[in-house]
ModelCIF file with pLDDT and N, C-alpha, C, O atoms, coordinates in Angstrom:
data_MODEL
#
_entry.id   MODEL 
#
_entity.id                         1 
_entity.type                       polymer 
_entity.pdbx_number_of_molecules   1 
#
_entity_poly.entity_id                      1 
_entity_poly.type                           'polypeptide(L)' 
_entity_poly.nstd_linkage                   no 
_entity_poly.nstd_monomer                   no 
_entity_poly.pdbx_seq_one_letter_code       
;(UNK)(UNK)(UNK)(UNK)(UNK)(UNK)(UNK)(UNK)(UNK)(UNK)(UNK)(UNK)(UNK)(UNK)(UNK)(UNK)
(UNK)(UNK)(UNK)(UNK)(UNK)(UNK)(UNK)(UNK)(UNK)(UNK)(UNK)(UNK)(UNK)(UNK)(UNK)(UNK)
(UNK)(UNK)(UNK)(UNK)(UNK)(UNK)(UNK)(UNK)(UNK)(UNK)(UNK)(UNK)
;
_entity_poly.pdbx_seq_one_letter_code_can   XXXXXXXXXXXXXXXXXXXXXXXXXXXXXXXXXXXXXXXXXXXX 
_entity_poly.pdbx_strand_id                 A 
#
loop_
_entity_poly_seq.entity_id 
_entity_poly_seq.num 
_entity_poly_seq.mon_id 
_entity_poly_seq.hetero 
1 1  UNK n 
1 2  UNK n 
1 3  UNK n 
1 4  UNK n 
1 5  UNK n 
1 6  UNK n 
1 7  UNK n 
1 8  UNK n 
1 9  UNK n 
1 10 UNK n 
1 11 UNK n 
1 12 UNK n 
1 13 UNK n 
1 14 UNK n 
1 15 UNK n 
1 16 UNK n 
1 17 UNK n 
1 18 UNK n 
1 19 UNK n 
1 20 UNK n 
1 21 UNK n 
1 22 UNK n 
1 23 UNK n 
1 24 UNK n 
1 25 UNK n 
1 26 UNK n 
1 27 UNK n 
1 28 UNK n 
1 29 UNK n 
1 30 UNK n 
1 31 UNK n 
1 32 UNK n 
1 33 UNK n 
1 34 UNK n 
1 35 UNK n 
1 36 UNK n 
1 37 UNK n 
1 38 UNK n 
1 39 UNK n 
1 40 UNK n 
1 41 UNK n 
1 42 UNK n 
1 43 UNK n 
1 44 UNK n 
#
_struct_asym.id          A 
_struct_asym.entity_id   1 
#
loop_
_ma_qa_metric.id 
_ma_qa_metric.mode 
_ma_qa_metric.name 
_ma_qa_metric.software_group_id 
_ma_qa_metric.type 
1 global pLDDT . pLDDT 
2 local  pLDDT . pLDDT 
#
_ma_qa_metric_global.metric_id      1 
_ma_qa_metric_global.metric_value   94.43 
_ma_qa_metric_global.model_id       1 
_ma_qa_metric_global.ordinal_id     1 
#
loop_
_ma_qa_metric_local.label_asym_id 
_ma_qa_metric_local.label_comp_id 
_ma_qa_metric_local.label_seq_id 
_ma_qa_metric_local.metric_id 
_ma_qa_metric_local.metric_value 
_ma_qa_metric_local.model_id 
_ma_qa_metric_local.ordinal_id 
A UNK 1  2 97.00 1 1  
A UNK 2  2 98.00 1 2  
A UNK 3  2 97.00 1 3  
A UNK 4  2 97.00 1 4  
A UNK 5  2 98.00 1 5  
A UNK 6  2 98.00 1 6  
A UNK 7  2 98.00 1 7  
A UNK 8  2 98.00 1 8  
A UNK 9  2 98.00 1 9  
A UNK 10 2 97.00 1 10 
A UNK 11 2 97.00 1 11 
A UNK 12 2 97.00 1 12 
A UNK 13 2 97.00 1 13 
A UNK 14 2 97.00 1 14 
A UNK 15 2 98.00 1 15 
A UNK 16 2 98.00 1 16 
A UNK 17 2 98.00 1 17 
A UNK 18 2 98.00 1 18 
A UNK 19 2 98.00 1 19 
A UNK 20 2 98.00 1 20 
A UNK 21 2 97.00 1 21 
A UNK 22 2 97.00 1 22 
A UNK 23 2 96.00 1 23 
A UNK 24 2 96.00 1 24 
A UNK 25 2 97.00 1 25 
A UNK 26 2 95.00 1 26 
A UNK 27 2 93.00 1 27 
A UNK 28 2 90.00 1 28 
A UNK 29 2 90.00 1 29 
A UNK 30 2 92.00 1 30 
A UNK 31 2 92.00 1 31 
A UNK 32 2 88.00 1 32 
A UNK 33 2 87.00 1 33 
A UNK 34 2 78.00 1 34 
A UNK 35 2 80.00 1 35 
A UNK 36 2 85.00 1 36 
A UNK 37 2 90.00 1 37 
A UNK 38 2 92.00 1 38 
A UNK 39 2 93.00 1 39 
A UNK 40 2 94.00 1 40 
A UNK 41 2 94.00 1 41 
A UNK 42 2 94.00 1 42 
A UNK 43 2 96.00 1 43 
A UNK 44 2 97.00 1 44 
#
loop_
_atom_site.group_PDB 
_atom_site.id 
_atom_site.type_symbol 
_atom_site.label_atom_id 
_atom_site.label_alt_id 
_atom_site.label_comp_id 
_atom_site.label_asym_id 
_atom_site.label_entity_id 
_atom_site.label_seq_id 
_atom_site.pdbx_PDB_ins_code 
_atom_site.Cartn_x 
_atom_site.Cartn_y 
_atom_site.Cartn_z 
_atom_site.occupancy 
_atom_site.B_iso_or_equiv 
_atom_site.pdbx_formal_charge 
_atom_site.auth_seq_id 
_atom_site.auth_comp_id 
_atom_site.auth_asym_id 
_atom_site.auth_atom_id 
_atom_site.pdbx_PDB_model_num 
ATOM 1   N N  . UNK A 1 1  ? 7.143  -7.048  -3.918  1.00 97.00 ? 1  UNK A N  1 
ATOM 2   C CA . UNK A 1 1  ? 6.665  -8.430  -4.112  1.00 97.00 ? 1  UNK A CA 1 
ATOM 3   C C  . UNK A 1 1  ? 6.119  -8.960  -2.794  1.00 97.00 ? 1  UNK A C  1 
ATOM 4   O O  . UNK A 1 1  ? 5.050  -9.568  -2.757  1.00 97.00 ? 1  UNK A O  1 
ATOM 5   N N  . UNK A 1 2  ? 6.862  -8.725  -1.710  1.00 98.00 ? 2  UNK A N  1 
ATOM 6   C CA . UNK A 1 2  ? 6.411  -9.179  -0.383  1.00 98.00 ? 2  UNK A CA 1 
ATOM 7   C C  . UNK A 1 2  ? 5.193  -8.388  0.069   1.00 98.00 ? 2  UNK A C  1 
ATOM 8   O O  . UNK A 1 2  ? 4.221  -8.957  0.564   1.00 98.00 ? 2  UNK A O  1 
ATOM 9   N N  . UNK A 1 3  ? 5.254  -7.076  -0.104  1.00 97.00 ? 3  UNK A N  1 
ATOM 10  C CA . UNK A 1 3  ? 4.190  -6.215  0.417   1.00 97.00 ? 3  UNK A CA 1 
ATOM 11  C C  . UNK A 1 3  ? 2.883  -6.378  -0.345  1.00 97.00 ? 3  UNK A C  1 
ATOM 12  O O  . UNK A 1 3  ? 1.815  -6.461  0.260   1.00 97.00 ? 3  UNK A O  1 
ATOM 13  N N  . UNK A 1 4  ? 2.966  -6.424  -1.683  1.00 97.00 ? 4  UNK A N  1 
ATOM 14  C CA . UNK A 1 4  ? 1.737  -6.354  -2.482  1.00 97.00 ? 4  UNK A CA 1 
ATOM 15  C C  . UNK A 1 4  ? 1.372  -7.633  -3.228  1.00 97.00 ? 4  UNK A C  1 
ATOM 16  O O  . UNK A 1 4  ? 0.193  -7.891  -3.472  1.00 97.00 ? 4  UNK A O  1 
ATOM 17  N N  . UNK A 1 5  ? 2.377  -8.443  -3.595  1.00 98.00 ? 5  UNK A N  1 
ATOM 18  C CA . UNK A 1 5  ? 2.075  -9.660  -4.353  1.00 98.00 ? 5  UNK A CA 1 
ATOM 19  C C  . UNK A 1 5  ? 1.902  -10.871 -3.450  1.00 98.00 ? 5  UNK A C  1 
ATOM 20  O O  . UNK A 1 5  ? 1.047  -11.720 -3.706  1.00 98.00 ? 5  UNK A O  1 
ATOM 21  N N  . UNK A 1 6  ? 2.705  -10.958 -2.396  1.00 98.00 ? 6  UNK A N  1 
ATOM 22  C CA . UNK A 1 6  ? 2.684  -12.171 -1.560  1.00 98.00 ? 6  UNK A CA 1 
ATOM 23  C C  . UNK A 1 6  ? 1.310  -12.432 -0.928  1.00 98.00 ? 6  UNK A C  1 
ATOM 24  O O  . UNK A 1 6  ? 0.893  -13.589 -0.867  1.00 98.00 ? 6  UNK A O  1 
ATOM 25  N N  . UNK A 1 7  ? 0.591  -11.404 -0.456  1.00 98.00 ? 7  UNK A N  1 
ATOM 26  C CA . UNK A 1 7  ? -0.759 -11.688 0.063   1.00 98.00 ? 7  UNK A CA 1 
ATOM 27  C C  . UNK A 1 7  ? -1.665 -12.345 -0.978  1.00 98.00 ? 7  UNK A C  1 
ATOM 28  O O  . UNK A 1 7  ? -2.462 -13.222 -0.643  1.00 98.00 ? 7  UNK A O  1 
ATOM 29  N N  . UNK A 1 8  ? -1.546 -11.923 -2.237  1.00 98.00 ? 8  UNK A N  1 
ATOM 30  C CA . UNK A 1 8  ? -2.360 -12.518 -3.309  1.00 98.00 ? 8  UNK A CA 1 
ATOM 31  C C  . UNK A 1 8  ? -1.865 -13.925 -3.621  1.00 98.00 ? 8  UNK A C  1 
ATOM 32  O O  . UNK A 1 8  ? -2.662 -14.827 -3.878  1.00 98.00 ? 8  UNK A O  1 
ATOM 33  N N  . UNK A 1 9  ? -0.560 -14.106 -3.599  1.00 98.00 ? 9  UNK A N  1 
ATOM 34  C CA . UNK A 1 9  ? 0.033  -15.436 -3.811  1.00 98.00 ? 9  UNK A CA 1 
ATOM 35  C C  . UNK A 1 9  ? -0.486 -16.419 -2.772  1.00 98.00 ? 9  UNK A C  1 
ATOM 36  O O  . UNK A 1 9  ? -0.846 -17.549 -3.103  1.00 98.00 ? 9  UNK A O  1 
ATOM 37  N N  . UNK A 1 10 ? -0.525 -15.985 -1.510  1.00 97.00 ? 10 UNK A N  1 
ATOM 38  C CA . UNK A 1 10 ? -1.022 -16.858 -0.434  1.00 97.00 ? 10 UNK A CA 1 
ATOM 39  C C  . UNK A 1 10 ? -2.518 -17.110 -0.580  1.00 97.00 ? 10 UNK A C  1 
ATOM 40  O O  . UNK A 1 10 ? -2.993 -18.228 -0.379  1.00 97.00 ? 10 UNK A O  1 
ATOM 41  N N  . UNK A 1 11 ? -3.250 -16.060 -0.930  1.00 97.00 ? 11 UNK A N  1 
ATOM 42  C CA . UNK A 1 11 ? -4.706 -16.193 -1.041  1.00 97.00 ? 11 UNK A CA 1 
ATOM 43  C C  . UNK A 1 11 ? -5.089 -17.230 -2.091  1.00 97.00 ? 11 UNK A C  1 
ATOM 44  O O  . UNK A 1 11 ? -6.007 -18.023 -1.884  1.00 97.00 ? 11 UNK A O  1 
ATOM 45  N N  . UNK A 1 12 ? -4.382 -17.219 -3.220  1.00 97.00 ? 12 UNK A N  1 
ATOM 46  C CA . UNK A 1 12 ? -4.732 -18.127 -4.308  1.00 97.00 ? 12 UNK A CA 1 
ATOM 47  C C  . UNK A 1 12 ? -3.804 -19.343 -4.388  1.00 97.00 ? 12 UNK A C  1 
ATOM 48  O O  . UNK A 1 12 ? -3.909 -20.167 -5.297  1.00 97.00 ? 12 UNK A O  1 
ATOM 49  N N  . UNK A 1 13 ? -2.894 -19.431 -3.410  1.00 97.00 ? 13 UNK A N  1 
ATOM 50  C CA . UNK A 1 13 ? -1.965 -20.572 -3.318  1.00 97.00 ? 13 UNK A CA 1 
ATOM 51  C C  . UNK A 1 13 ? -1.218 -20.790 -4.644  1.00 97.00 ? 13 UNK A C  1 
ATOM 52  O O  . UNK A 1 13 ? -1.264 -21.868 -5.238  1.00 97.00 ? 13 UNK A O  1 
ATOM 53  N N  . UNK A 1 14 ? -0.537 -19.736 -5.079  1.00 97.00 ? 14 UNK A N  1 
ATOM 54  C CA . UNK A 1 14 ? 0.154  -19.747 -6.371  1.00 97.00 ? 14 UNK A CA 1 
ATOM 55  C C  . UNK A 1 14 ? 1.647  -19.976 -6.155  1.00 97.00 ? 14 UNK A C  1 
ATOM 56  O O  . UNK A 1 14 ? 2.281  -19.199 -5.441  1.00 97.00 ? 14 UNK A O  1 
ATOM 57  N N  . UNK A 1 15 ? 2.224  -21.011 -6.746  1.00 98.00 ? 15 UNK A N  1 
ATOM 58  C CA . UNK A 1 15 ? 3.683  -21.160 -6.695  1.00 98.00 ? 15 UNK A CA 1 
ATOM 59  C C  . UNK A 1 15 ? 4.354  -20.129 -7.594  1.00 98.00 ? 15 UNK A C  1 
ATOM 60  O O  . UNK A 1 15 ? 3.895  -19.892 -8.711  1.00 98.00 ? 15 UNK A O  1 
ATOM 61  N N  . UNK A 1 16 ? 5.437  -19.511 -7.117  1.00 98.00 ? 16 UNK A N  1 
ATOM 62  C CA . UNK A 1 16 ? 6.120  -18.489 -7.900  1.00 98.00 ? 16 UNK A CA 1 
ATOM 63  C C  . UNK A 1 16 ? 7.630  -18.652 -7.769  1.00 98.00 ? 16 UNK A C  1 
ATOM 64  O O  . UNK A 1 16 ? 8.130  -19.320 -6.863  1.00 98.00 ? 16 UNK A O  1 
ATOM 65  N N  . UNK A 1 17 ? 8.335  -18.024 -8.696  1.00 98.00 ? 17 UNK A N  1 
ATOM 66  C CA . UNK A 1 17 ? 9.797  -17.974 -8.684  1.00 98.00 ? 17 UNK A CA 1 
ATOM 67  C C  . UNK A 1 17 ? 10.208 -16.515 -8.555  1.00 98.00 ? 17 UNK A C  1 
ATOM 68  O O  . UNK A 1 17 ? 9.706  -15.655 -9.279  1.00 98.00 ? 17 UNK A O  1 
ATOM 69  N N  . UNK A 1 18 ? 11.128 -16.238 -7.626  1.00 98.00 ? 18 UNK A N  1 
ATOM 70  C CA . UNK A 1 18 ? 11.608 -14.874 -7.432  1.00 98.00 ? 18 UNK A CA 1 
ATOM 71  C C  . UNK A 1 18 ? 13.111 -14.852 -7.679  1.00 98.00 ? 18 UNK A C  1 
ATOM 72  O O  . UNK A 1 18 ? 13.870 -15.548 -7.004  1.00 98.00 ? 18 UNK A O  1 
ATOM 73  N N  . UNK A 1 19 ? 13.536 -14.045 -8.653  1.00 98.00 ? 19 UNK A N  1 
ATOM 74  C CA . UNK A 1 19 ? 14.949 -13.968 -9.033  1.00 98.00 ? 19 UNK A CA 1 
ATOM 75  C C  . UNK A 1 19 ? 15.638 -12.856 -8.242  1.00 98.00 ? 19 UNK A C  1 
ATOM 76  O O  . UNK A 1 19 ? 15.168 -11.719 -8.214  1.00 98.00 ? 19 UNK A O  1 
ATOM 77  N N  . UNK A 1 20 ? 16.758 -13.199 -7.599  1.00 98.00 ? 20 UNK A N  1 
ATOM 78  C CA . UNK A 1 20 ? 17.440 -12.284 -6.685  1.00 98.00 ? 20 UNK A CA 1 
ATOM 79  C C  . UNK A 1 20 ? 18.852 -11.958 -7.161  1.00 98.00 ? 20 UNK A C  1 
ATOM 80  O O  . UNK A 1 20 ? 19.583 -12.818 -7.652  1.00 98.00 ? 20 UNK A O  1 
ATOM 81  N N  . UNK A 1 21 ? 19.210 -10.684 -6.998  1.00 97.00 ? 21 UNK A N  1 
ATOM 82  C CA . UNK A 1 21 ? 20.545 -10.186 -7.338  1.00 97.00 ? 21 UNK A CA 1 
ATOM 83  C C  . UNK A 1 21 ? 21.336 -10.059 -6.033  1.00 97.00 ? 21 UNK A C  1 
ATOM 84  O O  . UNK A 1 21 ? 21.005 -9.233  -5.183  1.00 97.00 ? 21 UNK A O  1 
ATOM 85  N N  . UNK A 1 22 ? 22.377 -10.876 -5.877  1.00 97.00 ? 22 UNK A N  1 
ATOM 86  C CA . UNK A 1 22 ? 23.097 -10.948 -4.618  1.00 97.00 ? 22 UNK A CA 1 
ATOM 87  C C  . UNK A 1 22 ? 23.670 -9.633  -4.145  1.00 97.00 ? 22 UNK A C  1 
ATOM 88  O O  . UNK A 1 22 ? 23.561 -9.299  -2.965  1.00 97.00 ? 22 UNK A O  1 
ATOM 89  N N  . UNK A 1 23 ? 24.278 -8.881  -5.039  1.00 96.00 ? 23 UNK A N  1 
ATOM 90  C CA . UNK A 1 23 ? 24.927 -7.631  -4.650  1.00 96.00 ? 23 UNK A CA 1 
ATOM 91  C C  . UNK A 1 23 ? 23.930 -6.645  -4.089  1.00 96.00 ? 23 UNK A C  1 
ATOM 92  O O  . UNK A 1 23 ? 24.243 -5.927  -3.139  1.00 96.00 ? 23 UNK A O  1 
ATOM 93  N N  . UNK A 1 24 ? 22.738 -6.593  -4.651  1.00 96.00 ? 24 UNK A N  1 
ATOM 94  C CA . UNK A 1 24 ? 21.721 -5.662  -4.162  1.00 96.00 ? 24 UNK A CA 1 
ATOM 95  C C  . UNK A 1 24 ? 21.270 -6.046  -2.757  1.00 96.00 ? 24 UNK A C  1 
ATOM 96  O O  . UNK A 1 24 ? 21.065 -5.180  -1.906  1.00 96.00 ? 24 UNK A O  1 
ATOM 97  N N  . UNK A 1 25 ? 21.117 -7.352  -2.516  1.00 97.00 ? 25 UNK A N  1 
ATOM 98  C CA . UNK A 1 25 ? 20.674 -7.808  -1.195  1.00 97.00 ? 25 UNK A CA 1 
ATOM 99  C C  . UNK A 1 25 ? 21.761 -7.620  -0.143  1.00 97.00 ? 25 UNK A C  1 
ATOM 100 O O  . UNK A 1 25 ? 21.467 -7.349  1.022   1.00 97.00 ? 25 UNK A O  1 
ATOM 101 N N  . UNK A 1 26 ? 23.004 -7.764  -0.554  1.00 95.00 ? 26 UNK A N  1 
ATOM 102 C CA . UNK A 1 26 ? 24.117 -7.683  0.386   1.00 95.00 ? 26 UNK A CA 1 
ATOM 103 C C  . UNK A 1 26 ? 24.456 -6.241  0.751   1.00 95.00 ? 26 UNK A C  1 
ATOM 104 O O  . UNK A 1 26 ? 25.126 -5.995  1.754   1.00 95.00 ? 26 UNK A O  1 
ATOM 105 N N  . UNK A 1 27 ? 23.999 -5.294  -0.054  1.00 93.00 ? 27 UNK A N  1 
ATOM 106 C CA . UNK A 1 27 ? 24.284 -3.891  0.217   1.00 93.00 ? 27 UNK A CA 1 
ATOM 107 C C  . UNK A 1 27 ? 23.648 -3.465  1.546   1.00 93.00 ? 27 UNK A C  1 
ATOM 108 O O  . UNK A 1 27 ? 22.578 -3.948  1.918   1.00 93.00 ? 27 UNK A O  1 
ATOM 109 N N  . UNK A 1 28 ? 24.321 -2.559  2.250   1.00 90.00 ? 28 UNK A N  1 
ATOM 110 C CA . UNK A 1 28 ? 23.857 -2.132  3.572   1.00 90.00 ? 28 UNK A CA 1 
ATOM 111 C C  . UNK A 1 28 ? 22.755 -1.075  3.474   1.00 90.00 ? 28 UNK A C  1 
ATOM 112 O O  . UNK A 1 28 ? 21.639 -1.298  3.944   1.00 90.00 ? 28 UNK A O  1 
ATOM 113 N N  . UNK A 1 29 ? 23.062 0.072   2.868   1.00 90.00 ? 29 UNK A N  1 
ATOM 114 C CA . UNK A 1 29 ? 22.120 1.189   2.849   1.00 90.00 ? 29 UNK A CA 1 
ATOM 115 C C  . UNK A 1 29 ? 21.682 1.607   1.455   1.00 90.00 ? 29 UNK A C  1 
ATOM 116 O O  . UNK A 1 29 ? 20.522 1.952   1.233   1.00 90.00 ? 29 UNK A O  1 
ATOM 117 N N  . UNK A 1 30 ? 22.626 1.571   0.517   1.00 92.00 ? 30 UNK A N  1 
ATOM 118 C CA . UNK A 1 30 ? 22.350 2.050   -0.824  1.00 92.00 ? 30 UNK A CA 1 
ATOM 119 C C  . UNK A 1 30 ? 22.617 0.958   -1.853  1.00 92.00 ? 30 UNK A C  1 
ATOM 120 O O  . UNK A 1 30 ? 23.445 0.074   -1.636  1.00 92.00 ? 30 UNK A O  1 
ATOM 121 N N  . UNK A 1 31 ? 21.906 1.030   -2.974  1.00 92.00 ? 31 UNK A N  1 
ATOM 122 C CA . UNK A 1 31 ? 22.073 0.072   -4.065  1.00 92.00 ? 31 UNK A CA 1 
ATOM 123 C C  . UNK A 1 31 ? 22.304 0.843   -5.356  1.00 92.00 ? 31 UNK A C  1 
ATOM 124 O O  . UNK A 1 31 ? 21.585 1.791   -5.671  1.00 92.00 ? 31 UNK A O  1 
ATOM 125 N N  . UNK A 1 32 ? 23.316 0.419   -6.091  1.00 88.00 ? 32 UNK A N  1 
ATOM 126 C CA . UNK A 1 32 ? 23.555 0.971   -7.428  1.00 88.00 ? 32 UNK A CA 1 
ATOM 127 C C  . UNK A 1 32 ? 22.647 0.208   -8.397  1.00 88.00 ? 32 UNK A C  1 
ATOM 128 O O  . UNK A 1 32 ? 22.951 -0.913  -8.804  1.00 88.00 ? 32 UNK A O  1 
ATOM 129 N N  . UNK A 1 33 ? 21.545 0.829   -8.749  1.00 87.00 ? 33 UNK A N  1 
ATOM 130 C CA . UNK A 1 33 ? 20.517 0.194   -9.568  1.00 87.00 ? 33 UNK A CA 1 
ATOM 131 C C  . UNK A 1 33 ? 20.596 0.765   -10.975 1.00 87.00 ? 33 UNK A C  1 
ATOM 132 O O  . UNK A 1 33 ? 19.994 1.791   -11.291 1.00 87.00 ? 33 UNK A O  1 
ATOM 133 N N  . UNK A 1 34 ? 21.367 0.058   -11.819 1.00 78.00 ? 34 UNK A N  1 
ATOM 134 C CA . UNK A 1 34 ? 21.546 0.489   -13.211 1.00 78.00 ? 34 UNK A CA 1 
ATOM 135 C C  . UNK A 1 34 ? 22.005 1.941   -13.296 1.00 78.00 ? 34 UNK A C  1 
ATOM 136 O O  . UNK A 1 34 ? 21.514 2.708   -14.124 1.00 78.00 ? 34 UNK A O  1 
ATOM 137 N N  . UNK A 1 35 ? 22.956 2.313   -12.426 1.00 80.00 ? 35 UNK A N  1 
ATOM 138 C CA . UNK A 1 35 ? 23.508 3.657   -12.455 1.00 80.00 ? 35 UNK A CA 1 
ATOM 139 C C  . UNK A 1 35 ? 22.776 4.650   -11.582 1.00 80.00 ? 35 UNK A C  1 
ATOM 140 O O  . UNK A 1 35 ? 23.219 5.791   -11.446 1.00 80.00 ? 35 UNK A O  1 
ATOM 141 N N  . UNK A 1 36 ? 21.655 4.243   -10.980 1.00 85.00 ? 36 UNK A N  1 
ATOM 142 C CA . UNK A 1 36 ? 20.898 5.105   -10.072 1.00 85.00 ? 36 UNK A CA 1 
ATOM 143 C C  . UNK A 1 36 ? 21.075 4.599   -8.646  1.00 85.00 ? 36 UNK A C  1 
ATOM 144 O O  . UNK A 1 36 ? 20.887 3.412   -8.383  1.00 85.00 ? 36 UNK A O  1 
ATOM 145 N N  . UNK A 1 37 ? 21.430 5.476   -7.737  1.00 90.00 ? 37 UNK A N  1 
ATOM 146 C CA . UNK A 1 37 ? 21.620 5.083   -6.344  1.00 90.00 ? 37 UNK A CA 1 
ATOM 147 C C  . UNK A 1 37 ? 20.285 5.185   -5.622  1.00 90.00 ? 37 UNK A C  1 
ATOM 148 O O  . UNK A 1 37 ? 19.694 6.261   -5.531  1.00 90.00 ? 37 UNK A O  1 
ATOM 149 N N  . UNK A 1 38 ? 19.816 4.045   -5.106  1.00 92.00 ? 38 UNK A N  1 
ATOM 150 C CA . UNK A 1 38 ? 18.536 4.006   -4.401  1.00 92.00 ? 38 UNK A CA 1 
ATOM 151 C C  . UNK A 1 38 ? 18.733 3.342   -3.045  1.00 92.00 ? 38 UNK A C  1 
ATOM 152 O O  . UNK A 1 38 ? 19.777 2.742   -2.790  1.00 92.00 ? 38 UNK A O  1 
ATOM 153 N N  . UNK A 1 39 ? 17.744 3.447   -2.185  1.00 93.00 ? 39 UNK A N  1 
ATOM 154 C CA . UNK A 1 39 ? 17.854 2.886   -0.843  1.00 93.00 ? 39 UNK A CA 1 
ATOM 155 C C  . UNK A 1 39 ? 17.671 1.376   -0.868  1.00 93.00 ? 39 UNK A C  1 
ATOM 156 O O  . UNK A 1 39 ? 16.916 0.842   -1.681  1.00 93.00 ? 39 UNK A O  1 
ATOM 157 N N  . UNK A 1 40 ? 18.366 0.703   0.025   1.00 94.00 ? 40 UNK A N  1 
ATOM 158 C CA . UNK A 1 40 ? 18.335 -0.769  0.109   1.00 94.00 ? 40 UNK A CA 1 
ATOM 159 C C  . UNK A 1 40 ? 16.938 -1.291  0.390   1.00 94.00 ? 40 UNK A C  1 
ATOM 160 O O  . UNK A 1 40 ? 16.604 -2.397  -0.034  1.00 94.00 ? 40 UNK A O  1 
ATOM 161 N N  . UNK A 1 41 ? 16.111 -0.526  1.095   1.00 94.00 ? 41 UNK A N  1 
ATOM 162 C CA . UNK A 1 41 ? 14.792 -1.041  1.484   1.00 94.00 ? 41 UNK A CA 1 
ATOM 163 C C  . UNK A 1 41 ? 13.811 -1.154  0.318   1.00 94.00 ? 41 UNK A C  1 
ATOM 164 O O  . UNK A 1 41 ? 12.678 -1.596  0.503   1.00 94.00 ? 41 UNK A O  1 
ATOM 165 N N  . UNK A 1 42 ? 14.239 -0.758  -0.876  1.00 94.00 ? 42 UNK A N  1 
ATOM 166 C CA . UNK A 1 42 ? 13.402 -0.981  -2.061  1.00 94.00 ? 42 UNK A CA 1 
ATOM 167 C C  . UNK A 1 42 ? 13.416 -2.454  -2.483  1.00 94.00 ? 42 UNK A C  1 
ATOM 168 O O  . UNK A 1 42 ? 12.612 -2.883  -3.310  1.00 94.00 ? 42 UNK A O  1 
ATOM 169 N N  . UNK A 1 43 ? 14.349 -3.220  -1.897  1.00 96.00 ? 43 UNK A N  1 
ATOM 170 C CA . UNK A 1 43 ? 14.464 -4.640  -2.223  1.00 96.00 ? 43 UNK A CA 1 
ATOM 171 C C  . UNK A 1 43 ? 14.122 -5.493  -1.002  1.00 96.00 ? 43 UNK A C  1 
ATOM 172 O O  . UNK A 1 43 ? 14.094 -5.005  0.127   1.00 96.00 ? 43 UNK A O  1 
ATOM 173 N N  . UNK A 1 44 ? 13.867 -6.762  -1.250  1.00 97.00 ? 44 UNK A N  1 
ATOM 174 C CA . UNK A 1 44 ? 13.422 -7.667  -0.198  1.00 97.00 ? 44 UNK A CA 1 
ATOM 175 C C  . UNK A 1 44 ? 14.433 -7.765  0.939   1.00 97.00 ? 44 UNK A C  1 
ATOM 176 O O  . UNK A 1 44 ? 14.205 -8.490  1.907   1.00 97.00 ? 44 UNK A O  1 
#
């Protein structure tokens, strides 16, 4: 969202809502994503 959508959001001055999952953001290195372990940097 930050890498690919936010530049377009700024260009067209579009207000948006971003829904965040606290546990995923608070994780240090890995995130349990619906049973799949992925790296934390996949999230904001």
